[in-house]
Amino acid sequence: MQRDYYNFDFTKYKPKKLERMAKAVTVDGYNALPDTDKVTGLLDKLRNGIELRTSEVKILCYFVTIIKEEALFDRFSSACQHCFGKHDRLYYHIKGLLHSYYDDIIDPELFRLLQLGIERNKVWKEPLASLKDVILNSENHTSFFRFLYGYFQSFKTFEDIQNGKDQILMKENHRIYITIILRLLEEWMVSIKSLEDFTLVKHIVNSFKDYNALKRSFEKFLLTQKYRQDFDKLPIYLEEMFNVIGETLGDPYGQNKIKWQGITDEAKKVFTLWKTQKKIGRFFGEIAGDPIRLNFWKKYSHYFYRIEYFEKYDGAILMETDKHLFIEFAKMGALHMYKTKNLSINNVERNTKGYSRTNMVSLVLKNKIIAVYYKSHTHGWQETFQWEFETHGYKMRG
């Protein structure tokens, strides 16, 4: 006998409580927000003076920023006080208010509402149970902020910061977290004394996707090095800090210079001096293997804002100031000096496809016709170069 099989849709019979439980275990219990789909309707009820249920007040506690944007905070505050007066199990209301406060850290009224909820609540869970006394004993929102600042200030590793953040129900995108960490970053960056200090700073820098937030800290670090003349013997943790800034912002005078907008010229000069000395050391030391030229050009490194190396063009080393372009080559030959209005690094880069290798070297980089100065490295060339450079306003340092 043939049997008929029916496909039943068992999802219709799934108990609602079981469905809520299944959803709950898939999210982070500390940081999950309530369903935002209901917020618009609840705001309408608040706007129209319709009394909210306890569960509805709890949802809105997580969205005080939106409530303020709609100019409904007074009505919301009244609804909270009415709710708090009738109930003593307010843990999730408090959790929501704390979440909102972390994004609105300068609102005294919101902080007092948070304190009121804590005073009325009778059932506690961790981690709020450990935080409630601090909030209640804080005279105002400012003193609570100072507590939180000191709390994060005591951490020594980025892992400590992450764990500490979780312990007080704070998230990385909360305004208060960003404010505190950026302030601490400024403190820690200007007082790096070890690789451990640098490691903490590097992890914080890497945790920020917006490099603009880091500019103030970078600038302060660079200005701590403004009196340094020689970057060859930097401690490794300071060297690595310069590398991190370079990896984040690029070259102040290169293709990524727009990233340096807002940072003072004084700080840019510090980074540029570090970068030019590193490049001079690499080009004349590692590549050319010429310690004599290395020591000579280092004494003029404070004038260069950009240095580039073109291996395919006979190892050309281009060093640019605001007025002149100096060109040396890996194999000792002759120095060529040009006015930047006639030849610059940008000119060379733009013409890399327009000239063959041979023509680029002979017609562009070694063009004696437009050169301001041309001189081979004959005996006593250092003194000759030095005298010529002084006529153009370049004085040897040291």
Protein backbone atom coordinates (compact mmCIF):
# COMPACT_ATOMS: atom_id res chain seq x y z
CA MET A 1 0.00 0.00 0.00
CA GLN A 2 1.36 3.40 -0.97
CA ARG A 3 1.96 5.80 1.88
CA ASP A 4 1.65 9.52 1.68
CA TYR A 5 4.36 11.46 3.41
CA TYR A 6 3.80 14.99 4.49
CA ASN A 7 6.48 17.60 5.04
CA PHE A 8 5.61 19.35 8.24
CA ASP A 9 7.11 22.79 8.97
CA PHE A 10 8.18 22.21 12.56
CA THR A 11 9.48 25.80 12.88
CA LYS A 12 5.86 26.81 13.40
CA TYR A 13 5.85 24.83 16.62
CA LYS A 14 9.17 26.00 17.98
CA PRO A 15 8.52 27.36 21.48
CA LYS A 16 9.22 31.09 21.71
CA LYS A 17 11.18 30.70 24.91
CA LEU A 18 13.45 28.10 23.32
CA GLU A 19 13.93 30.39 20.33
CA ARG A 20 15.01 33.26 22.58
CA MET A 21 17.42 30.97 24.41
CA ALA A 22 18.93 29.78 21.13
CA LYS A 23 19.45 33.36 20.05
CA ALA A 24 20.98 34.32 23.39
CA VAL A 25 23.75 31.73 23.27
CA THR A 26 24.96 32.99 19.89
CA VAL A 27 25.87 36.47 21.14
CA ASP A 28 28.26 37.99 23.62
CA GLY A 29 26.30 38.20 26.83
CA TYR A 30 28.28 41.21 28.03
CA ASN A 31 27.95 43.37 24.96
CA ALA A 32 24.79 42.30 23.13
CA LEU A 33 22.22 45.05 22.60
CA PRO A 34 18.44 44.58 22.60
CA ASP A 35 16.49 44.44 19.39
CA THR A 36 16.72 47.87 17.75
CA ASP A 37 13.62 47.27 15.64
CA LYS A 38 11.43 48.26 18.60
CA VAL A 39 13.18 51.55 19.34
CA THR A 40 11.27 53.66 16.80
CA GLY A 41 7.91 52.53 18.14
CA LEU A 42 8.99 53.10 21.73
CA LEU A 43 10.15 56.62 20.90
CA ASP A 44 6.70 57.31 19.45
CA LYS A 45 5.08 56.10 22.67
CA LEU A 46 7.44 58.31 24.67
CA ARG A 47 6.71 61.27 22.40
CA ASN A 48 2.94 60.77 22.72
CA GLY A 49 3.00 60.41 26.51
CA ILE A 50 1.98 56.74 26.52
CA GLU A 51 3.18 54.90 29.63
CA LEU A 52 5.95 52.40 28.95
CA ARG A 53 6.13 48.89 30.35
CA THR A 54 9.15 47.94 32.45
CA SER A 55 10.61 45.87 29.60
CA GLU A 56 10.22 48.81 27.22
CA VAL A 57 12.04 51.19 29.57
CA LYS A 58 14.84 48.62 29.77
CA ILE A 59 15.25 48.65 25.99
CA LEU A 60 15.40 52.44 25.81
CA CYS A 61 18.10 52.54 28.50
CA TYR A 62 20.52 51.31 25.83
CA PHE A 63 19.64 54.11 23.40
CA VAL A 64 19.86 57.34 25.39
CA THR A 65 21.94 58.96 22.65
CA ILE A 66 19.05 58.56 20.21
CA ILE A 67 16.60 59.71 22.86
CA LYS A 68 18.59 62.93 23.30
CA GLU A 69 18.74 63.50 19.56
CA GLU A 70 14.95 63.36 19.57
CA ALA A 71 14.80 65.82 22.54
CA LEU A 72 12.98 63.24 24.65
CA PHE A 73 15.41 62.83 27.55
CA ASP A 74 13.21 64.58 30.13
CA ARG A 75 10.31 62.26 29.34
CA PHE A 76 12.62 59.25 29.37
CA SER A 77 14.08 60.30 32.73
CA SER A 78 10.57 60.56 34.18
CA ALA A 79 9.69 57.12 32.79
CA CYS A 80 12.84 55.66 34.39
CA GLN A 81 12.14 57.22 37.78
CA HIS A 82 8.55 55.94 37.67
CA CYS A 83 9.81 52.46 36.75
CA PHE A 84 12.52 52.49 39.43
CA GLY A 85 9.95 53.46 42.03
CA LYS A 86 7.86 50.37 41.33
CA HIS A 87 10.56 47.71 40.87
CA ASP A 88 13.74 46.58 42.59
CA ARG A 89 15.09 44.18 39.95
CA LEU A 90 16.75 46.65 37.62
CA TYR A 91 20.04 44.97 36.68
CA TYR A 92 19.51 45.20 32.91
CA HIS A 93 18.14 48.73 33.15
CA ILE A 94 21.38 49.72 34.88
CA LYS A 95 23.43 47.83 32.34
CA GLY A 96 21.69 49.75 29.56
CA LEU A 97 22.21 53.12 31.28
CA LEU A 98 25.88 52.32 31.79
CA HIS A 99 26.20 51.44 28.11
CA SER A 100 24.63 54.78 27.20
CA TYR A 101 26.76 56.69 29.70
CA TYR A 102 29.95 55.23 28.19
CA ASP A 103 28.93 56.97 24.98
CA ASP A 104 27.85 60.23 26.65
CA ILE A 105 30.44 60.78 29.34
CA ILE A 106 29.76 64.45 30.08
CA ASP A 107 26.07 64.23 30.94
CA PRO A 108 25.49 64.72 34.69
CA GLU A 109 21.76 63.98 34.42
CA LEU A 110 22.37 60.59 32.82
CA PHE A 111 24.92 59.77 35.50
CA ARG A 112 22.46 60.67 38.29
CA LEU A 113 19.87 58.44 36.63
CA LEU A 114 22.42 55.64 36.62
CA GLN A 115 23.09 56.18 40.33
CA LEU A 116 19.35 56.18 41.07
CA GLY A 117 18.92 52.82 39.36
CA ILE A 118 21.79 51.36 41.37
CA GLU A 119 20.32 52.66 44.63
CA ARG A 120 16.96 50.96 43.92
CA ASN A 121 18.25 47.68 42.54
CA LYS A 122 18.29 44.66 44.88
CA VAL A 123 19.60 41.83 42.67
CA TRP A 124 23.18 41.96 41.39
CA LYS A 125 25.33 40.00 38.98
CA GLU A 126 28.97 40.31 38.04
CA PRO A 127 30.58 42.42 36.73
CA LEU A 128 28.18 45.21 37.70
CA ALA A 129 28.22 44.02 41.29
CA SER A 130 31.88 45.05 41.55
CA LEU A 131 31.28 48.42 39.89
CA LYS A 132 28.17 49.60 41.72
CA ASP A 133 29.94 50.91 44.84
CA VAL A 134 32.35 52.98 42.75
CA ILE A 135 29.46 54.60 40.88
CA LEU A 136 27.47 55.27 44.04
CA ASN A 137 30.48 56.74 45.85
CA SER A 138 31.40 59.01 42.93
CA GLU A 139 30.42 62.57 43.70
CA ASN A 140 29.58 63.22 40.05
CA HIS A 141 30.30 62.03 36.51
CA THR A 142 33.68 63.78 36.58
CA SER A 143 34.93 61.87 39.60
CA PHE A 144 33.73 58.61 38.04
CA PHE A 145 35.68 59.46 34.88
CA ARG A 146 38.78 60.04 37.02
CA PHE A 147 38.32 56.63 38.58
CA LEU A 148 38.05 54.98 35.16
CA TYR A 149 41.12 56.87 33.95
CA GLY A 150 43.16 55.65 36.92
CA TYR A 151 41.77 52.15 36.40
CA PHE A 152 43.17 51.95 32.86
CA GLN A 153 46.32 53.84 33.81
CA SER A 154 47.36 50.99 36.09
CA PHE A 155 47.52 48.43 33.26
CA LYS A 156 50.89 47.37 31.91
CA THR A 157 49.95 45.32 28.85
CA PHE A 158 47.37 45.54 26.09
CA GLU A 159 45.92 42.24 27.27
CA ASP A 160 45.36 43.83 30.68
CA ILE A 161 43.50 46.69 28.99
CA GLN A 162 41.29 44.30 27.03
CA ASN A 163 40.47 42.20 30.06
CA GLY A 164 39.94 45.28 32.22
CA LYS A 165 37.59 46.76 29.64
CA ASP A 166 35.46 43.60 29.67
CA GLN A 167 35.33 43.61 33.46
CA ILE A 168 33.47 46.93 33.46
CA LEU A 169 31.21 46.19 30.47
CA MET A 170 33.04 48.63 28.22
CA LYS A 171 33.56 48.21 24.47
CA GLU A 172 36.26 49.52 22.15
CA ASN A 173 33.80 51.72 20.27
CA HIS A 174 32.49 53.43 23.40
CA ARG A 175 33.34 57.11 23.45
CA ILE A 176 34.72 56.93 26.99
CA TYR A 177 37.10 54.07 26.08
CA ILE A 178 38.44 55.93 23.05
CA THR A 179 38.86 59.13 25.09
CA ILE A 180 40.73 57.43 27.93
CA ILE A 181 42.96 55.27 25.75
CA LEU A 182 43.99 58.16 23.49
CA ARG A 183 44.86 60.31 26.51
CA LEU A 184 46.89 57.47 28.01
CA LEU A 185 48.54 56.82 24.67
CA GLU A 186 49.89 60.38 24.73
CA GLU A 187 51.31 59.79 28.21
CA TRP A 188 52.80 56.41 27.40
CA MET A 189 54.21 57.41 24.02
CA VAL A 190 56.28 60.30 25.38
CA SER A 191 57.67 58.17 28.22
CA ILE A 192 58.74 55.00 26.41
CA LYS A 193 61.71 53.57 28.27
CA SER A 194 61.75 49.92 27.24
CA LEU A 195 60.57 47.40 24.66
CA GLU A 196 57.73 46.51 27.02
CA ASP A 197 56.55 50.13 26.95
CA PHE A 198 56.81 50.17 23.17
CA THR A 199 54.90 46.89 22.82
CA LEU A 200 51.95 48.32 24.76
CA VAL A 201 51.95 51.48 22.64
CA LYS A 202 52.20 49.52 19.39
CA HIS A 203 49.22 47.31 20.27
CA ILE A 204 47.13 50.37 21.06
CA VAL A 205 48.14 52.05 17.80
CA ASN A 206 47.26 48.92 15.82
CA SER A 207 43.85 48.75 17.49
CA PHE A 208 42.81 52.10 15.95
CA LYS A 209 41.62 51.97 12.35
CA ASP A 210 41.40 55.76 12.06
CA TYR A 211 44.95 57.11 11.87
CA ASN A 212 43.66 60.65 12.47
CA ALA A 213 42.96 59.73 16.09
CA LEU A 214 46.66 58.94 16.56
CA LYS A 215 48.15 62.15 15.16
CA ARG A 216 48.26 64.05 18.45
CA SER A 217 50.15 61.22 20.16
CA PHE A 218 52.56 60.85 17.24
CA GLU A 219 53.24 64.58 17.25
CA LYS A 220 53.97 64.62 20.98
CA PHE A 221 56.40 61.72 20.63
CA LEU A 222 58.24 63.36 17.74
CA LEU A 223 58.63 66.60 19.66
CA THR A 224 60.37 64.73 22.49
CA GLN A 225 63.14 64.01 19.95
CA LYS A 226 63.41 67.50 18.44
CA TYR A 227 66.82 68.25 19.99
CA ARG A 228 68.41 65.02 18.78
CA GLN A 229 71.00 65.55 16.03
CA ASP A 230 72.11 61.99 15.35
CA PHE A 231 69.62 59.14 15.03
CA ASP A 232 72.19 56.41 14.41
CA LYS A 233 72.33 55.27 18.01
CA LEU A 234 68.66 55.34 18.94
CA PRO A 235 67.51 52.78 21.52
CA ILE A 236 65.66 50.01 19.72
CA TYR A 237 62.30 50.93 21.29
CA LEU A 238 62.56 54.51 19.98
CA GLU A 239 63.69 53.28 16.57
CA GLU A 240 60.66 51.01 16.42
CA MET A 241 58.38 53.88 17.41
CA PHE A 242 59.62 55.90 14.43
CA ASN A 243 58.99 52.85 12.23
CA VAL A 244 55.40 52.57 13.50
CA ILE A 245 54.75 56.24 12.70
CA GLY A 246 56.19 55.74 9.22
CA GLU A 247 54.10 52.63 8.63
CA THR A 248 50.95 54.46 9.76
CA LEU A 249 51.36 57.85 8.08
CA GLY A 250 53.97 57.32 5.37
CA ASP A 251 56.33 60.09 4.22
CA PRO A 252 55.45 63.71 5.18
CA TYR A 253 56.64 64.85 1.75
CA GLY A 254 55.85 61.78 -0.34
CA GLN A 255 52.66 60.39 -1.85
CA ASN A 256 51.00 60.05 1.57
CA LYS A 257 51.73 63.59 2.74
CA ILE A 258 48.00 64.31 3.10
CA LYS A 259 48.01 61.94 6.09
CA TRP A 260 50.32 64.36 7.91
CA GLN A 261 47.86 67.25 7.72
CA GLY A 262 47.29 68.72 11.17
CA ILE A 263 50.74 67.77 12.47
CA THR A 264 53.10 70.69 13.05
CA ASP A 265 56.03 71.34 10.74
CA GLU A 266 58.34 71.06 13.74
CA ALA A 267 57.24 67.47 14.33
CA LYS A 268 57.45 66.67 10.60
CA LYS A 269 61.05 67.89 10.54
CA VAL A 270 61.97 65.50 13.36
CA PHE A 271 60.54 62.53 11.50
CA THR A 272 62.10 63.67 8.22
CA LEU A 273 65.55 64.02 9.80
CA TRP A 274 65.26 60.49 11.22
CA LYS A 275 64.13 59.15 7.85
CA THR A 276 66.81 60.96 5.81
CA GLN A 277 69.58 59.80 8.13
CA LYS A 278 68.32 56.23 7.86
CA LYS A 279 68.29 56.48 4.07
CA ILE A 280 71.71 58.12 3.87
CA GLY A 281 73.04 55.33 6.09
CA ARG A 282 71.50 52.67 3.88
CA PHE A 283 72.42 54.19 0.51
CA PHE A 284 75.99 55.24 1.23
CA GLY A 285 76.66 52.52 3.79
CA GLU A 286 74.91 49.28 2.85
CA ILE A 287 74.53 49.92 -0.89
CA ALA A 288 77.51 52.08 -1.88
CA GLY A 289 79.78 50.84 0.90
CA ASP A 290 81.36 54.28 1.20
CA PRO A 291 81.80 55.46 4.82
CA ILE A 292 83.52 58.68 3.70
CA ARG A 293 80.52 59.89 1.69
CA LEU A 294 78.21 58.55 4.41
CA ASN A 295 79.80 60.73 7.09
CA PHE A 296 79.93 63.73 4.75
CA TRP A 297 76.27 63.70 3.70
CA LYS A 298 75.02 63.01 7.22
CA LYS A 299 76.30 66.46 8.15
CA TYR A 300 73.84 67.96 5.65
CA SER A 301 70.93 65.62 6.44
CA HIS A 302 69.02 68.35 8.30
CA TYR A 303 68.46 70.16 4.99
CA PHE A 304 66.91 67.22 3.11
CA TYR A 305 63.18 66.62 3.30
CA ARG A 306 63.13 63.74 0.83
CA ILE A 307 65.64 61.12 -0.34
CA GLU A 308 65.03 58.40 -2.93
CA TYR A 309 67.15 55.66 -4.45
CA PHE A 310 66.86 54.48 -8.08
CA GLU A 311 68.83 51.28 -8.47
CA LYS A 312 68.07 50.87 -12.18
CA TYR A 313 69.56 54.29 -12.99
CA ASP A 314 73.14 53.44 -12.03
CA GLY A 315 72.20 53.42 -8.36
CA ALA A 316 71.23 57.11 -8.36
CA ILE A 317 70.78 58.64 -4.90
CA LEU A 318 68.54 61.74 -5.02
CA MET A 319 68.56 64.11 -2.02
CA GLU A 320 66.15 67.05 -2.15
CA THR A 321 65.92 70.31 -0.19
CA ASP A 322 63.36 73.05 -0.71
CA LYS A 323 65.65 74.69 -3.32
CA HIS A 324 68.02 72.07 -4.73
CA LEU A 325 68.30 68.46 -5.80
CA PHE A 326 71.63 66.71 -5.10
CA ILE A 327 72.36 63.54 -7.09
CA GLU A 328 75.07 61.03 -6.24
CA PHE A 329 75.55 57.50 -7.57
CA ALA A 330 76.32 54.24 -5.81
CA LYS A 331 79.66 54.00 -7.62
CA MET A 332 81.69 57.10 -6.85
CA GLY A 333 81.67 59.38 -9.85
CA ALA A 334 80.46 62.95 -9.66
CA LEU A 335 77.96 65.06 -7.78
CA HIS A 336 75.23 66.81 -9.78
CA MET A 337 73.31 69.66 -8.16
CA TYR A 338 70.16 71.20 -9.69
CA LYS A 339 67.58 73.80 -8.78
CA THR A 340 64.35 72.00 -7.92
CA LYS A 341 62.44 74.20 -10.36
CA ASN A 342 64.52 72.52 -13.11
CA LEU A 343 64.70 69.00 -11.70
CA SER A 344 63.08 67.35 -8.68
CA ILE A 345 62.36 63.85 -7.45
CA ASN A 346 58.78 64.23 -8.65
CA ASN A 347 60.09 65.09 -12.15
CA VAL A 348 62.24 61.97 -12.17
CA GLU A 349 59.39 59.75 -10.98
CA ARG A 350 57.04 61.12 -13.63
CA ASN A 351 59.58 60.49 -16.39
CA THR A 352 60.53 56.93 -15.49
CA LYS A 353 58.34 55.61 -18.32
CA GLY A 354 59.25 58.31 -20.80
CA TYR A 355 62.98 57.65 -20.89
CA SER A 356 65.05 54.53 -21.41
CA ARG A 357 67.50 53.66 -18.65
CA THR A 358 70.43 55.03 -20.60
CA ASN A 359 68.71 58.28 -21.55
CA MET A 360 67.41 58.85 -18.02
CA VAL A 361 70.97 58.71 -16.70
CA SER A 362 72.69 60.67 -19.47
CA LEU A 363 70.00 63.23 -20.36
CA VAL A 364 68.29 63.79 -17.00
CA LEU A 365 70.32 62.75 -13.98
CA LYS A 366 73.70 63.75 -15.43
CA ASN A 367 72.62 66.82 -17.35
CA LYS A 368 75.54 69.24 -17.00
CA ILE A 369 73.74 71.93 -19.02
CA ILE A 370 71.10 72.66 -16.38
CA ALA A 371 73.18 71.67 -13.36
CA VAL A 372 73.95 74.43 -10.85
CA TYR A 373 77.07 72.57 -9.81
CA TYR A 374 78.94 69.56 -11.15
CA LYS A 375 82.06 68.11 -9.57
CA SER A 376 83.76 64.74 -9.51
CA HIS A 377 85.10 63.21 -6.29
CA THR A 378 88.72 64.13 -6.83
CA HIS A 379 91.27 64.55 -4.04
CA GLY A 380 89.99 66.96 -1.38
CA TRP A 381 86.43 66.92 -2.74
CA GLN A 382 84.90 67.33 0.76
CA GLU A 383 86.39 70.80 1.25
CA THR A 384 85.47 71.80 -2.31
CA PHE A 385 81.88 70.64 -1.88
CA GLN A 386 81.63 72.32 1.52
CA TRP A 387 82.74 75.67 0.16
CA GLU A 388 80.35 75.45 -2.80
CA PHE A 389 77.42 74.46 -0.60
CA GLU A 390 78.03 77.44 1.70
CA THR A 391 77.61 79.79 -1.26
CA HIS A 392 74.08 78.35 -1.62
CA GLY A 393 73.28 78.67 2.09
CA TYR A 394 74.08 75.11 3.26
CA LYS A 395 76.32 74.92 6.31
CA MET A 396 77.82 71.65 7.47
CA ARG A 397 76.64 70.53 10.89
CA GLY A 398 79.09 69.34 13.53
